[in-house]
Amino acid sequence: MKKWRNMDVSVEVNKIRLNQGRWEKMTVFTYNSPLEYESRVQSFLLENEAMHNLPLGIIQRMKTDMGRFEKEPVLGYLDHLGEIKTVLMRTPPHMWILASHIELSDQDINILVHFFKDNHHPVPGMIGASDNVTRFAEAWKKAVGVEYEVHMKQKVFQLDEVLTHQKSPGHLIKATEDHAALAREWMHAFGQEANVVHSEDELNEVVERLLNEQTLRLWVVDGEPVSMVNQSRNTPNGTTVSAVYTPDAHKRKGYATSAVAALSQELLGEGYQFCCLYTDLSNPTSNGIYQKIGYKPVGNSMVVNFI
């Protein structure tokens, strides 16, 4: 399997001429080196670290586990007079990440549309701040004649301190190889709930990695696992909680809340300054329970697929 190389160069790939017939000082830069890229975009992303946990986490992974990425990522940002307007990145075959804590202008969106078109970049979907993603989706639809669908509306939460709460019976344990079959079953069910389809090979690879990295946790009651939670990607100062799942037979008993609270406390105790997570806005229950244990909203995110 061919892997991409970490080249120690950066390249300006595009400068867009606008319809007014003049050169605008706006440029999309792309980088071949994650280290060089990080040095340019990290301070921008850290202005809202929890909201930008996805691109920050991916950059961290690139520095430590390049072999995870089978195809060369696109690592870019939109520059205006030396200032970053938005970070954009993609790790094929996944969707584009549009990371910015500022509202992009119509001109910014236009530049991005031209960048994708002129460089023949596939655009299967996009995730990022809701307003910016919505406006890009409309512009892309108009420019290339494709439709899009909103896959999920999300809220990003950040926790700095776990609040006192009513703990459910049970305790948190690290999942081991003995739990591999259960982990595969629950990760598959979690994907179905999130409307994300994984092949059997992908599922096996994910579970094997989580068990090897010892990030997967189970909430256990009387020796029986009843809920699941995972520590996902890290940012420079924080970490992400993900894959929160409880099978139907054990729902509405507070197990997921207790599992997330216990893992969050464990991670803060290890020295992380904060934990963050995504929630599905269509599920008001999960949005409420996380706030009870100390998670606070930091922004809205949206996932769109182009069809």
Protein backbone atom coordinates (compact mmCIF):
# COMPACT_ATOMS: atom_id res chain seq x y z
CA MET A 1 0.00 0.00 0.00
CA LYS A 2 1.48 3.29 -1.06
CA LYS A 3 1.94 5.92 1.61
CA TRP A 4 2.55 9.59 1.04
CA ARG A 5 5.84 11.21 1.97
CA ASN A 6 6.41 14.00 4.47
CA MET A 7 8.26 16.50 2.28
CA ASP A 8 9.99 19.46 3.89
CA VAL A 9 8.71 22.06 1.44
CA SER A 10 5.74 24.39 1.17
CA VAL A 11 4.20 25.49 -2.08
CA GLU A 12 1.93 28.34 -3.13
CA VAL A 13 -0.50 26.64 -5.46
CA ASN A 14 -3.03 29.22 -6.46
CA LYS A 15 -3.73 32.92 -6.82
CA ILE A 16 -7.25 33.75 -7.93
CA ARG A 17 -8.06 36.61 -10.32
CA LEU A 18 -11.48 38.02 -9.47
CA ASN A 19 -14.11 39.16 -11.94
CA GLN A 20 -13.14 42.80 -11.45
CA GLY A 21 -10.04 42.06 -13.54
CA ARG A 22 -7.53 42.93 -10.84
CA TRP A 23 -5.28 40.86 -8.59
CA GLU A 24 -6.65 40.62 -5.09
CA LYS A 25 -4.19 39.96 -2.30
CA MET A 26 -5.86 36.65 -1.47
CA THR A 27 -4.05 33.38 -1.90
CA VAL A 28 -4.66 29.74 -1.08
CA PHE A 29 -1.46 28.13 0.15
CA THR A 30 -0.97 24.38 0.46
CA TYR A 31 1.76 22.51 2.31
CA ASN A 32 3.39 19.13 1.85
CA SER A 33 4.88 19.03 5.35
CA PRO A 34 2.65 18.71 8.43
CA LEU A 35 5.34 20.36 10.55
CA GLU A 36 5.57 23.39 8.27
CA TYR A 37 1.81 23.52 8.03
CA GLU A 38 1.39 23.37 11.80
CA SER A 39 3.86 26.22 12.28
CA ARG A 40 1.72 28.40 10.01
CA VAL A 41 -1.84 27.56 11.08
CA GLN A 42 -1.66 26.46 14.71
CA SER A 43 -1.89 29.90 16.31
CA PHE A 44 -4.98 30.64 14.21
CA LEU A 45 -6.64 27.35 15.19
CA LEU A 46 -5.76 27.79 18.86
CA GLU A 47 -7.90 30.93 19.00
CA ASN A 48 -10.78 28.48 19.48
CA GLU A 49 -9.00 25.23 20.25
CA ALA A 50 -12.02 23.15 21.20
CA MET A 51 -14.00 24.24 18.15
CA HIS A 52 -11.02 23.37 15.96
CA ASN A 53 -10.26 20.05 17.64
CA LEU A 54 -10.67 18.14 14.37
CA PRO A 55 -7.97 19.84 12.26
CA LEU A 56 -5.67 20.24 15.27
CA GLY A 57 -6.08 16.57 16.13
CA ILE A 58 -5.40 15.45 12.58
CA ILE A 59 -2.21 17.52 12.45
CA GLN A 60 -1.08 15.92 15.72
CA ARG A 61 -1.73 12.46 14.28
CA MET A 62 0.21 13.25 11.12
CA LYS A 63 3.26 14.09 13.20
CA THR A 64 3.15 10.81 15.13
CA ASP A 65 1.43 8.27 12.87
CA MET A 66 1.95 9.11 9.21
CA GLY A 67 1.21 5.53 8.20
CA ARG A 68 -2.45 5.97 9.07
CA PHE A 69 -2.93 8.18 6.00
CA GLU A 70 -2.95 6.16 2.79
CA LYS A 71 -3.24 9.09 0.40
CA GLU A 72 -1.57 12.47 0.50
CA PRO A 73 -3.70 14.99 2.41
CA VAL A 74 -4.40 18.48 1.17
CA LEU A 75 -3.23 20.94 3.83
CA GLY A 76 -4.13 24.51 3.02
CA TYR A 77 -5.31 27.88 4.19
CA LEU A 78 -6.76 31.04 2.68
CA ASP A 79 -4.52 34.06 3.17
CA HIS A 80 -5.43 37.74 2.90
CA LEU A 81 -2.57 40.21 3.24
CA GLY A 82 -0.64 37.81 5.44
CA GLU A 83 -3.57 36.91 7.69
CA ILE A 84 -5.33 33.55 7.69
CA LYS A 85 -9.05 33.69 6.92
CA THR A 86 -9.71 29.95 7.10
CA VAL A 87 -7.90 26.65 7.28
CA LEU A 88 -8.94 23.97 4.80
CA MET A 89 -7.75 20.39 4.78
CA ARG A 90 -8.72 16.98 3.51
CA THR A 91 -7.47 13.47 4.19
CA PRO A 92 -8.86 11.42 1.27
CA PRO A 93 -11.29 9.74 1.03
CA HIS A 94 -12.84 11.86 3.78
CA MET A 95 -14.60 15.20 3.39
CA TRP A 96 -13.07 18.66 3.55
CA ILE A 97 -12.60 20.46 6.85
CA LEU A 98 -13.29 24.21 6.75
CA ALA A 99 -11.94 25.61 10.01
CA SER A 100 -12.47 29.25 10.86
CA HIS A 101 -13.82 31.08 13.90
CA ILE A 102 -14.68 34.13 11.80
CA GLU A 103 -17.53 34.64 9.35
CA LEU A 104 -16.17 34.28 5.83
CA SER A 105 -17.07 36.96 3.29
CA ASP A 106 -18.67 36.27 -0.09
CA GLN A 107 -15.27 36.95 -1.63
CA ASP A 108 -13.64 34.36 0.66
CA ILE A 109 -16.21 31.78 -0.39
CA ASN A 110 -15.70 32.67 -4.05
CA ILE A 111 -11.94 32.17 -3.74
CA LEU A 112 -12.46 28.73 -2.19
CA VAL A 113 -14.87 27.70 -4.95
CA HIS A 114 -12.32 28.70 -7.60
CA PHE A 115 -9.53 26.92 -5.73
CA PHE A 116 -11.42 23.62 -5.71
CA LYS A 117 -12.53 23.97 -9.33
CA ASP A 118 -9.24 25.17 -10.81
CA ASN A 119 -7.23 22.47 -9.06
CA HIS A 120 -9.79 19.72 -9.82
CA HIS A 121 -10.17 18.78 -6.17
CA PRO A 122 -13.01 16.35 -5.45
CA VAL A 123 -15.46 17.81 -2.93
CA PRO A 124 -17.50 14.91 -1.50
CA GLY A 125 -18.57 16.88 1.56
CA MET A 126 -17.54 19.43 4.15
CA ILE A 127 -17.52 19.91 7.92
CA GLY A 128 -17.01 23.18 9.77
CA ALA A 129 -18.75 26.12 11.41
CA SER A 130 -22.40 25.94 10.38
CA ASP A 131 -22.76 29.36 8.76
CA ASN A 132 -19.59 29.07 6.69
CA VAL A 133 -20.35 25.53 5.54
CA THR A 134 -23.91 26.45 4.57
CA ARG A 135 -22.75 29.39 2.48
CA PHE A 136 -20.01 27.38 0.79
CA ALA A 137 -22.49 24.59 0.00
CA GLU A 138 -24.83 27.05 -1.69
CA ALA A 139 -21.96 28.60 -3.67
CA TRP A 140 -20.62 25.19 -4.71
CA LYS A 141 -24.09 24.08 -5.76
CA LYS A 142 -24.43 27.15 -7.96
CA ALA A 143 -20.91 26.86 -9.39
CA VAL A 144 -20.88 23.18 -10.37
CA GLY A 145 -24.55 22.21 -10.43
CA VAL A 146 -24.55 19.61 -7.66
CA GLU A 147 -27.05 19.19 -4.86
CA TYR A 148 -26.14 18.79 -1.22
CA GLU A 149 -27.74 17.35 1.88
CA VAL A 150 -27.19 18.23 5.52
CA HIS A 151 -25.82 15.05 7.06
CA MET A 152 -25.75 16.35 10.62
CA LYS A 153 -26.08 19.56 12.59
CA GLN A 154 -23.75 19.46 15.56
CA LYS A 155 -22.74 21.41 18.62
CA VAL A 156 -19.19 21.41 19.96
CA PHE A 157 -18.79 21.34 23.74
CA GLN A 158 -15.83 21.97 26.02
CA LEU A 159 -15.32 20.83 29.62
CA ASP A 160 -12.73 22.34 31.97
CA GLU A 161 -14.03 20.82 35.20
CA VAL A 162 -16.36 17.91 35.92
CA LEU A 163 -19.37 19.04 37.94
CA THR A 164 -20.84 17.05 40.80
CA HIS A 165 -23.57 14.80 39.46
CA GLN A 166 -25.59 11.74 40.37
CA LYS A 167 -23.42 8.78 39.42
CA SER A 168 -25.02 5.62 38.08
CA PRO A 169 -24.10 2.22 39.52
CA GLY A 170 -20.95 0.74 38.02
CA HIS A 171 -17.42 1.79 37.15
CA LEU A 172 -15.23 2.54 34.14
CA ILE A 173 -12.67 0.07 32.78
CA LYS A 174 -10.27 -0.02 29.86
CA ALA A 175 -11.47 -2.28 27.07
CA THR A 176 -9.10 -5.16 26.32
CA GLU A 177 -8.75 -7.76 23.60
CA ASP A 178 -11.32 -9.82 25.50
CA HIS A 179 -13.86 -7.15 24.56
CA ALA A 180 -12.95 -7.06 20.85
CA ALA A 181 -16.14 -8.74 19.60
CA LEU A 182 -18.33 -6.50 21.76
CA ALA A 183 -16.40 -3.42 20.67
CA ARG A 184 -16.93 -4.27 17.00
CA GLU A 185 -20.64 -4.81 17.58
CA TRP A 186 -21.05 -1.55 19.47
CA MET A 187 -18.90 0.50 17.10
CA HIS A 188 -21.02 -0.79 14.22
CA ALA A 189 -24.20 0.17 16.08
CA PHE A 190 -22.73 3.57 16.96
CA GLY A 191 -21.98 4.15 13.27
CA GLN A 192 -25.54 3.25 12.34
CA GLU A 193 -26.92 5.73 14.87
CA ALA A 194 -24.64 8.42 13.44
CA ASN A 195 -25.52 7.38 9.87
CA VAL A 196 -21.87 6.52 9.15
CA VAL A 197 -21.22 3.28 7.28
CA HIS A 198 -17.99 1.33 7.82
CA SER A 199 -16.91 -1.75 5.93
CA GLU A 200 -16.03 -4.83 7.95
CA ASP A 201 -12.33 -4.26 7.29
CA GLU A 202 -12.58 -0.62 8.39
CA LEU A 203 -14.44 -1.62 11.52
CA ASN A 204 -11.86 -4.26 12.41
CA GLU A 205 -9.05 -1.77 11.83
CA VAL A 206 -10.67 0.87 14.03
CA VAL A 207 -11.32 -1.51 16.90
CA GLU A 208 -7.84 -3.00 16.71
CA ARG A 209 -6.32 0.48 16.88
CA LEU A 210 -8.46 1.59 19.81
CA LEU A 211 -7.62 -1.54 21.78
CA ASN A 212 -3.91 -1.25 21.00
CA GLU A 213 -3.89 2.42 21.99
CA GLN A 214 -5.96 1.61 25.11
CA THR A 215 -8.31 4.55 24.58
CA LEU A 216 -11.62 2.67 24.61
CA ARG A 217 -13.53 2.53 27.90
CA LEU A 218 -16.54 0.52 29.05
CA TRP A 219 -18.95 1.29 31.86
CA VAL A 220 -19.50 -1.98 33.71
CA VAL A 221 -22.31 -2.93 36.11
CA ASP A 222 -22.02 -6.21 38.02
CA GLY A 223 -19.41 -7.41 35.54
CA GLU A 224 -21.51 -6.56 32.47
CA PRO A 225 -20.48 -3.79 30.02
CA VAL A 226 -23.44 -1.46 29.55
CA SER A 227 -21.99 1.61 27.80
CA MET A 228 -18.96 2.71 25.78
CA VAL A 229 -16.86 5.86 25.41
CA ASN A 230 -13.53 6.59 23.75
CA GLN A 231 -10.70 9.08 24.07
CA SER A 232 -10.09 10.26 20.53
CA ARG A 233 -7.66 12.77 19.01
CA ASN A 234 -5.56 15.18 21.06
CA THR A 235 -5.01 18.88 20.55
CA PRO A 236 -2.00 20.80 21.91
CA ASN A 237 -3.78 21.42 25.23
CA GLY A 238 -6.82 19.18 25.26
CA THR A 239 -8.35 15.95 24.08
CA THR A 240 -11.57 14.73 22.50
CA VAL A 241 -14.20 12.33 23.81
CA SER A 242 -16.08 10.33 21.18
CA ALA A 243 -17.95 7.12 20.35
CA VAL A 244 -20.41 7.47 23.22
CA TYR A 245 -22.80 4.55 22.84
CA THR A 246 -25.28 2.64 24.99
CA PRO A 247 -27.27 -0.32 23.59
CA ASP A 248 -31.05 -0.02 23.72
CA ALA A 249 -31.40 -2.45 26.62
CA HIS A 250 -29.37 -0.14 28.87
CA LYS A 251 -30.48 3.31 27.70
CA ARG A 252 -32.03 5.94 29.98
CA LYS A 253 -30.20 4.69 33.07
CA GLY A 254 -27.49 7.33 33.14
CA TYR A 255 -24.69 4.97 32.15
CA ALA A 256 -23.39 7.08 29.27
CA THR A 257 -23.42 10.21 31.42
CA SER A 258 -21.42 8.47 34.13
CA ALA A 259 -19.01 6.98 31.59
CA VAL A 260 -18.33 10.35 29.94
CA ALA A 261 -17.93 12.05 33.32
CA ALA A 262 -15.52 9.38 34.58
CA LEU A 263 -13.39 9.44 31.44
CA SER A 264 -13.37 13.24 31.38
CA GLN A 265 -12.20 13.35 35.00
CA GLU A 266 -9.52 10.77 34.24
CA LEU A 267 -8.24 12.80 31.30
CA LEU A 268 -8.17 16.06 33.25
CA GLY A 269 -6.26 14.22 35.95
CA GLU A 270 -3.68 13.18 33.37
CA GLY A 271 -2.94 16.83 32.65
CA TYR A 272 -5.21 17.74 29.74
CA GLN A 273 -6.53 21.27 30.24
CA PHE A 274 -9.92 20.46 28.75
CA CYS A 275 -12.02 17.80 27.04
CA CYS A 276 -14.33 18.42 24.10
CA LEU A 277 -16.93 16.51 22.14
CA TYR A 278 -19.44 16.79 19.32
CA THR A 279 -23.16 16.23 19.81
CA ASP A 280 -25.97 15.71 17.33
CA LEU A 281 -28.34 18.68 17.63
CA SER A 282 -31.25 16.43 16.69
CA ASN A 283 -30.72 14.58 20.00
CA PRO A 284 -31.66 17.06 22.75
CA THR A 285 -31.15 14.43 25.45
CA SER A 286 -27.42 14.07 24.85
CA ASN A 287 -26.98 17.84 24.61
CA GLY A 288 -28.62 18.19 28.01
CA ILE A 289 -26.79 15.45 29.88
CA TYR A 290 -23.35 16.64 28.86
CA GLN A 291 -24.08 20.12 30.20
CA LYS A 292 -25.06 18.60 33.55
CA ILE A 293 -21.53 17.27 34.02
CA GLY A 294 -19.79 20.47 32.98
CA TYR A 295 -19.62 20.59 29.19
CA LYS A 296 -20.30 24.06 27.78
CA PRO A 297 -21.17 24.88 24.15
CA VAL A 298 -18.46 26.65 22.15
CA GLY A 299 -19.97 26.63 18.66
CA ASN A 300 -22.18 25.02 16.04
CA SER A 301 -20.83 22.68 13.39
CA MET A 302 -22.40 21.18 10.30
CA VAL A 303 -21.65 18.23 8.05
CA VAL A 304 -22.87 18.37 4.44
CA ASN A 305 -22.57 15.79 1.68
CA PHE A 306 -22.62 16.71 -2.00
CA ILE A 307 -24.71 14.38 -4.15
